[in-house]
PDB file of N, CA and C in Angstrom:
ATOM      1  N   UNK A   1      19.597  -8.404  51.357  1.00  0.00           N
ATOM      2  CA  UNK A   1      18.546  -7.614  51.966  1.00  0.00           C
ATOM      3  C   UNK A   1      17.896  -8.413  53.083  1.00  0.00           C
ATOM      4  N   UNK A   2      17.500  -7.720  54.054  1.00  0.00           N
ATOM      5  CA  UNK A   2      16.865  -8.346  55.188  1.00  0.00           C
ATOM      6  C   UNK A   2      15.387  -8.596  54.893  1.00  0.00           C
ATOM      7  N   UNK A   3      14.870  -9.675  55.457  1.00  0.00           N
ATOM      8  CA  UNK A   3      13.475 -10.022  55.237  1.00  0.00           C
ATOM      9  C   UNK A   3      12.551  -9.110  56.044  1.00  0.00           C
ATOM     10  N   UNK A   4      13.092  -8.459  57.045  1.00  0.00           N
ATOM     11  CA  UNK A   4      12.309  -7.570  57.884  1.00  0.00           C
ATOM     12  C   UNK A   4      12.205  -6.209  57.207  1.00  0.00           C
ATOM     13  N   UNK A   5      10.980  -5.715  57.092  1.00  0.00           N
ATOM     14  CA  UNK A   5      10.775  -4.406  56.471  1.00  0.00           C
ATOM     15  C   UNK A   5      11.322  -3.322  57.398  1.00  0.00           C
ATOM     16  N   UNK A   6      12.025  -2.390  56.813  1.00  0.00           N
ATOM     17  CA  UNK A   6      12.602  -1.307  57.593  1.00  0.00           C
ATOM     18  C   UNK A   6      11.683  -0.095  57.548  1.00  0.00           C
ATOM     19  N   UNK A   7      11.724   0.658  58.617  1.00  0.00           N
ATOM     20  CA  UNK A   7      10.918   1.875  58.662  1.00  0.00           C
ATOM     21  C   UNK A   7      11.711   3.022  58.048  1.00  0.00           C
ATOM     22  N   UNK A   8      11.010   4.090  57.760  1.00  0.00           N
ATOM     23  CA  UNK A   8      11.656   5.273  57.189  1.00  0.00           C
ATOM     24  C   UNK A   8      12.684   5.838  58.163  1.00  0.00           C
ATOM     25  N   UNK A   9      12.418   5.769  59.459  1.00  0.00           N
ATOM     26  CA  UNK A   9      13.363   6.280  60.456  1.00  0.00           C
ATOM     27  C   UNK A   9      14.655   5.460  60.456  1.00  0.00           C
ATOM     28  N   UNK A  10      14.534   4.130  60.341  1.00  0.00           N
ATOM     29  CA  UNK A  10      15.723   3.272  60.283  1.00  0.00           C
ATOM     30  C   UNK A  10      16.560   3.589  59.047  1.00  0.00           C
ATOM     31  N   UNK A  11      15.889   3.766  57.931  1.00  0.00           N
ATOM     32  CA  UNK A  11      16.593   4.083  56.692  1.00  0.00           C
ATOM     33  C   UNK A  11      17.263   5.445  56.777  1.00  0.00           C
ATOM     34  N   UNK A  12      16.575   6.419  57.361  1.00  0.00           N
ATOM     35  CA  UNK A  12      17.151   7.762  57.493  1.00  0.00           C
ATOM     36  C   UNK A  12      18.376   7.746  58.404  1.00  0.00           C
ATOM     37  N   UNK A  13      18.337   6.942  59.478  1.00  0.00           N
ATOM     38  CA  UNK A  13      19.501   6.811  60.361  1.00  0.00           C
ATOM     39  C   UNK A  13      20.690   6.225  59.616  1.00  0.00           C
ATOM     40  N   UNK A  14      20.446   5.185  58.828  1.00  0.00           N
ATOM     41  CA  UNK A  14      21.523   4.558  58.057  1.00  0.00           C
ATOM     42  C   UNK A  14      22.086   5.536  57.028  1.00  0.00           C
ATOM     43  N   UNK A  15      21.213   6.312  56.393  1.00  0.00           N
ATOM     44  CA  UNK A  15      21.655   7.305  55.407  1.00  0.00           C
ATOM     45  C   UNK A  15      22.517   8.366  56.085  1.00  0.00           C
ATOM     46  N   UNK A  16      22.095   8.832  57.251  1.00  0.00           N
ATOM     47  CA  UNK A  16      22.851   9.843  57.988  1.00  0.00           C
ATOM     48  C   UNK A  16      24.233   9.322  58.372  1.00  0.00           C
ATOM     49  N   UNK A  17      24.303   8.076  58.819  1.00  0.00           N
ATOM     50  CA  UNK A  17      25.595   7.487  59.187  1.00  0.00           C
ATOM     51  C   UNK A  17      26.528   7.400  57.985  1.00  0.00           C
ATOM     52  N   UNK A  18      26.022   6.960  56.853  1.00  0.00           N
ATOM     53  CA  UNK A  18      26.851   6.865  55.653  1.00  0.00           C
ATOM     54  C   UNK A  18      27.282   8.239  55.157  1.00  0.00           C
ATOM     55  N   UNK A  19      26.390   9.220  55.233  1.00  0.00           N
ATOM     56  CA  UNK A  19      26.748  10.574  54.827  1.00  0.00           C
ATOM     57  C   UNK A  19      27.862  11.126  55.712  1.00  0.00           C
ATOM     58  N   UNK A  20      27.829  10.809  56.999  1.00  0.00           N
ATOM     59  CA  UNK A  20      28.874  11.257  57.927  1.00  0.00           C
ATOM     60  C   UNK A  20      30.223  10.653  57.537  1.00  0.00           C
ATOM     61  N   UNK A  21      30.221   9.374  57.210  1.00  0.00           N
ATOM     62  CA  UNK A  21      31.457   8.706  56.795  1.00  0.00           C
ATOM     63  C   UNK A  21      31.995   9.325  55.517  1.00  0.00           C
ATOM     64  N   UNK A  22      31.111   9.541  54.543  1.00  0.00           N
ATOM     65  CA  UNK A  22      31.547  10.095  53.263  1.00  0.00           C
ATOM     66  C   UNK A  22      31.987  11.549  53.397  1.00  0.00           C
ATOM     67  N   UNK A  23      31.294  12.334  54.220  1.00  0.00           N
ATOM     68  CA  UNK A  23      31.668  13.731  54.411  1.00  0.00           C
ATOM     69  C   UNK A  23      33.038  13.862  55.077  1.00  0.00           C
ATOM     70  N   UNK A  24      33.355  12.935  55.970  1.00  0.00           N
ATOM     71  CA  UNK A  24      34.649  12.974  56.644  1.00  0.00           C
ATOM     72  C   UNK A  24      35.776  12.670  55.657  1.00  0.00           C
ATOM     73  N   UNK A  25      35.501  11.843  54.667  1.00  0.00           N
ATOM     74  CA  UNK A  25      36.500  11.507  53.659  1.00  0.00           C
ATOM     75  C   UNK A  25      37.613  10.621  54.185  1.00  0.00           C
ATOM     76  N   UNK A  26      37.464  10.105  55.369  1.00  0.00           N
ATOM     77  CA  UNK A  26      38.489   9.268  55.982  1.00  0.00           C
ATOM     78  C   UNK A  26      38.315   7.831  55.533  1.00  0.00           C
ATOM     79  N   UNK A  27      39.408   7.222  55.113  1.00  0.00           N
ATOM     80  CA  UNK A  27      39.329   5.837  54.673  1.00  0.00           C
ATOM     81  C   UNK A  27      39.720   4.859  55.774  1.00  0.00           C
ATOM     82  N   UNK A  28      40.486   5.325  56.766  1.00  0.00           N
ATOM     83  CA  UNK A  28      40.918   4.427  57.825  1.00  0.00           C
ATOM     84  C   UNK A  28      40.949   5.182  59.150  1.00  0.00           C
ATOM     85  N   UNK A  29      40.445   4.540  60.198  1.00  0.00           N
ATOM     86  CA  UNK A  29      40.431   5.127  61.533  1.00  0.00           C
ATOM     87  C   UNK A  29      40.967   4.099  62.513  1.00  0.00           C
ATOM     88  N   UNK A  30      41.865   4.530  63.391  1.00  0.00           N
ATOM     89  CA  UNK A  30      42.376   3.660  64.442  1.00  0.00           C
ATOM     90  C   UNK A  30      42.005   4.278  65.779  1.00  0.00           C
ATOM     91  N   UNK A  31      41.280   3.502  66.590  1.00  0.00           N
ATOM     92  CA  UNK A  31      40.855   3.990  67.893  1.00  0.00           C
ATOM     93  C   UNK A  31      40.997   2.856  68.896  1.00  0.00           C
ATOM     94  N   UNK A  32      41.687   3.130  69.977  1.00  0.00           N
ATOM     95  CA  UNK A  32      41.929   2.134  71.033  1.00  0.00           C
ATOM     96  C   UNK A  32      42.560   0.868  70.473  1.00  0.00           C
ATOM     97  N   UNK A  33      43.467   1.018  69.524  1.00  0.00           N
ATOM     98  CA  UNK A  33      44.181  -0.123  68.967  1.00  0.00           C
ATOM     99  C   UNK A  33      43.389  -0.920  67.948  1.00  0.00           C
ATOM    100  N   UNK A  34      42.178  -0.490  67.625  1.00  0.00           N
ATOM    101  CA  UNK A  34      41.355  -1.192  66.645  1.00  0.00           C
ATOM    102  C   UNK A  34      41.229  -0.329  65.396  1.00  0.00           C
ATOM    103  N   UNK A  35      41.536  -0.913  64.249  1.00  0.00           N
ATOM    104  CA  UNK A  35      41.509  -0.176  62.991  1.00  0.00           C
ATOM    105  C   UNK A  35      40.266  -0.534  62.197  1.00  0.00           C
ATOM    106  N   UNK A  36      39.614   0.496  61.696  1.00  0.00           N
ATOM    107  CA  UNK A  36      38.444   0.312  60.838  1.00  0.00           C
ATOM    108  C   UNK A  36      38.757   0.983  59.507  1.00  0.00           C
ATOM    109  N   UNK A  37      38.546   0.243  58.434  1.00  0.00           N
ATOM    110  CA  UNK A  37      38.806   0.786  57.103  1.00  0.00           C
ATOM    111  C   UNK A  37      37.490   0.864  56.340  1.00  0.00           C
ATOM    112  N   UNK A  38      37.256   2.019  55.698  1.00  0.00           N
ATOM    113  CA  UNK A  38      36.009   2.247  54.973  1.00  0.00           C
ATOM    114  C   UNK A  38      36.260   2.173  53.480  1.00  0.00           C
ATOM    115  N   UNK A  39      35.362   1.512  52.780  1.00  0.00           N
ATOM    116  CA  UNK A  39      35.376   1.485  51.315  1.00  0.00           C
ATOM    117  C   UNK A  39      34.429   2.590  50.868  1.00  0.00           C
ATOM    118  N   UNK A  40      34.992   3.731  50.467  1.00  0.00           N
ATOM    119  CA  UNK A  40      34.154   4.893  50.155  1.00  0.00           C
ATOM    120  C   UNK A  40      33.290   4.675  48.917  1.00  0.00           C
ATOM    121  N   UNK A  41      33.791   3.922  47.943  1.00  0.00           N
ATOM    122  CA  UNK A  41      32.975   3.631  46.759  1.00  0.00           C
ATOM    123  C   UNK A  41      31.806   2.730  47.128  1.00  0.00           C
ATOM    124  N   UNK A  42      32.063   1.742  47.964  1.00  0.00           N
ATOM    125  CA  UNK A  42      30.997   0.863  48.436  1.00  0.00           C
ATOM    126  C   UNK A  42      29.976   1.615  49.274  1.00  0.00           C
ATOM    127  N   UNK A  43      30.479   2.551  50.092  1.00  0.00           N
ATOM    128  CA  UNK A  43      29.578   3.356  50.915  1.00  0.00           C
ATOM    129  C   UNK A  43      28.702   4.247  50.039  1.00  0.00           C
ATOM    130  N   UNK A  44      29.272   4.788  48.969  1.00  0.00           N
ATOM    131  CA  UNK A  44      28.492   5.626  48.046  1.00  0.00           C
ATOM    132  C   UNK A  44      27.401   4.809  47.366  1.00  0.00           C
ATOM    133  N   UNK A  45      27.740   3.600  46.940  1.00  0.00           N
ATOM    134  CA  UNK A  45      26.757   2.728  46.295  1.00  0.00           C
ATOM    135  C   UNK A  45      25.656   2.345  47.279  1.00  0.00           C
ATOM    136  N   UNK A  46      26.038   2.048  48.517  1.00  0.00           N
ATOM    137  CA  UNK A  46      25.061   1.686  49.541  1.00  0.00           C
ATOM    138  C   UNK A  46      24.152   2.873  49.864  1.00  0.00           C
ATOM    139  N   UNK A  47      24.729   4.072  49.900  1.00  0.00           N
ATOM    140  CA  UNK A  47      23.950   5.276  50.156  1.00  0.00           C
ATOM    141  C   UNK A  47      22.905   5.483  49.063  1.00  0.00           C
ATOM    142  N   UNK A  48      23.300   5.264  47.825  1.00  0.00           N
ATOM    143  CA  UNK A  48      22.371   5.389  46.692  1.00  0.00           C
ATOM    144  C   UNK A  48      21.227   4.381  46.831  1.00  0.00           C
ATOM    145  N   UNK A  49      21.562   3.143  47.226  1.00  0.00           N
ATOM    146  CA  UNK A  49      20.541   2.105  47.401  1.00  0.00           C
ATOM    147  C   UNK A  49      19.584   2.451  48.545  1.00  0.00           C
ATOM    148  N   UNK A  50      20.140   2.942  49.649  1.00  0.00           N
ATOM    149  CA  UNK A  50      19.293   3.302  50.787  1.00  0.00           C
ATOM    150  C   UNK A  50      18.362   4.458  50.454  1.00  0.00           C
ATOM    151  N   UNK A  51      18.871   5.435  49.703  1.00  0.00           N
ATOM    152  CA  UNK A  51      18.016   6.555  49.303  1.00  0.00           C
ATOM    153  C   UNK A  51      16.880   6.081  48.405  1.00  0.00           C
ATOM    154  N   UNK A  52      17.176   5.153  47.506  1.00  0.00           N
ATOM    155  CA  UNK A  52      16.132   4.605  46.637  1.00  0.00           C
ATOM    156  C   UNK A  52      15.108   3.829  47.455  1.00  0.00           C
ATOM    157  N   UNK A  53      15.583   3.056  48.434  1.00  0.00           N
ATOM    158  CA  UNK A  53      14.676   2.288  49.291  1.00  0.00           C
ATOM    159  C   UNK A  53      13.806   3.224  50.131  1.00  0.00           C
ATOM    160  N   UNK A  54      14.395   4.319  50.637  1.00  0.00           N
ATOM    161  CA  UNK A  54      13.629   5.289  51.411  1.00  0.00           C
ATOM    162  C   UNK A  54      12.558   5.943  50.543  1.00  0.00           C
ATOM    163  N   UNK A  55      12.901   6.278  49.309  1.00  0.00           N
ATOM    164  CA  UNK A  55      11.921   6.871  48.395  1.00  0.00           C
ATOM    165  C   UNK A  55      10.771   5.907  48.141  1.00  0.00           C
ATOM    166  N   UNK A  56      11.080   4.625  48.015  1.00  0.00           N
ATOM    167  CA  UNK A  56      10.048   3.617  47.800  1.00  0.00           C
ATOM    168  C   UNK A  56       9.135   3.504  49.018  1.00  0.00           C
ATOM    169  N   UNK A  57       9.737   3.483  50.212  1.00  0.00           N
ATOM    170  CA  UNK A  57       8.953   3.386  51.449  1.00  0.00           C
ATOM    171  C   UNK A  57       8.042   4.600  51.602  1.00  0.00           C
ATOM    172  N   UNK A  58       8.536   5.767  51.213  1.00  0.00           N
ATOM    173  CA  UNK A  58       7.754   6.995  51.345  1.00  0.00           C
ATOM    174  C   UNK A  58       6.781   7.200  50.186  1.00  0.00           C
ATOM    175  N   UNK A  59       6.814   6.314  49.206  1.00  0.00           N
ATOM    176  CA  UNK A  59       5.911   6.425  48.069  1.00  0.00           C
ATOM    177  C   UNK A  59       6.343   7.467  47.065  1.00  0.00           C
ATOM    178  N   UNK A  60       7.620   7.816  47.057  1.00  0.00           N
ATOM    179  CA  UNK A  60       8.132   8.850  46.161  1.00  0.00           C
ATOM    180  C   UNK A  60       8.987   8.267  45.047  1.00  0.00           C
ATOM    181  N   UNK A  61       8.808   7.021  44.768  1.00  0.00           N
ATOM    182  CA  UNK A  61       9.632   6.368  43.761  1.00  0.00           C
ATOM    183  C   UNK A  61       9.429   7.023  42.407  1.00  0.00           C
ATOM    184  N   UNK A  62      10.495   7.517  41.819  1.00  0.00           N
ATOM    185  CA  UNK A  62      10.411   8.110  40.486  1.00  0.00           C
ATOM    186  C   UNK A  62      10.796   7.059  39.464  1.00  0.00           C
ATOM    187  N   UNK A  63       9.968   6.922  38.487  1.00  0.00           N
ATOM    188  CA  UNK A  63      10.214   5.935  37.433  1.00  0.00           C
ATOM    189  C   UNK A  63      10.211   6.629  36.100  1.00  0.00           C
ATOM    190  N   UNK A  64      10.948   6.072  35.201  1.00  0.00           N
ATOM    191  CA  UNK A  64      10.945   6.602  33.847  1.00  0.00           C
ATOM    192  C   UNK A  64       9.625   6.236  33.192  1.00  0.00           C
ATOM    193  N   UNK A  65       9.090   7.115  32.373  1.00  0.00           N
ATOM    194  CA  UNK A  65       7.823   6.799  31.693  1.00  0.00           C
ATOM    195  C   UNK A  65       8.033   5.666  30.687  1.00  0.00           C
ATOM    196  N   UNK A  66       7.012   4.847  30.549  1.00  0.00           N
ATOM    197  CA  UNK A  66       7.084   3.748  29.580  1.00  0.00           C
ATOM    198  C   UNK A  66       6.982   4.257  28.157  1.00  0.00           C
ATOM    199  N   UNK A  67       6.210   5.314  27.978  1.00  0.00           N
ATOM    200  CA  UNK A  67       6.015   5.877  26.648  1.00  0.00           C
ATOM    201  C   UNK A  67       6.289   7.367  26.682  1.00  0.00           C
ATOM    202  N   UNK A  68       6.867   7.875  25.649  1.00  0.00           N
ATOM    203  CA  UNK A  68       7.060   9.320  25.496  1.00  0.00           C
ATOM    204  C   UNK A  68       6.062   9.849  24.502  1.00  0.00           C
ATOM    205  N   UNK A  69       5.557  11.024  24.768  1.00  0.00           N
ATOM    206  CA  UNK A  69       4.630  11.671  23.847  1.00  0.00           C
ATOM    207  C   UNK A  69       5.399  12.691  23.035  1.00  0.00           C
ATOM    208  N   UNK A  70       5.362  12.531  21.754  1.00  0.00           N
ATOM    209  CA  UNK A  70       6.055  13.445  20.857  1.00  0.00           C
ATOM    210  C   UNK A  70       5.038  14.111  19.963  1.00  0.00           C
ATOM    211  N   UNK A  71       5.011  15.437  19.960  1.00  0.00           N
ATOM    212  CA  UNK A  71       4.087  16.183  19.132  1.00  0.00           C
ATOM    213  C   UNK A  71       4.820  16.566  17.848  1.00  0.00           C
ATOM    214  N   UNK A  72       4.398  15.999  16.735  1.00  0.00           N
ATOM    215  CA  UNK A  72       5.059  16.239  15.452  1.00  0.00           C
ATOM    216  C   UNK A  72       4.303  17.251  14.611  1.00  0.00           C
ATOM    217  N   UNK A  73       3.364  17.958  15.193  1.00  0.00           N
ATOM    218  CA  UNK A  73       2.588  18.921  14.397  1.00  0.00           C
ATOM    219  C   UNK A  73       3.303  20.241  14.230  1.00  0.00           C
TER     220      UNK A  73
END
């Protein structure tokens, strides 16, 4: 992780780029003699992390409750 705090716009741009890669479903692209290979599982994991980071930045972090209330009456 970078020491520099990212803005919500930066995170949204990164999320959009990863979604584009995943939506295309392409694992390898060759353009102008240069080949780029995508790890789709790694991209999915990174997308999940970025979405969680964006939720944290926006103050929407969902957490599991520490205690559950059970009514036994």
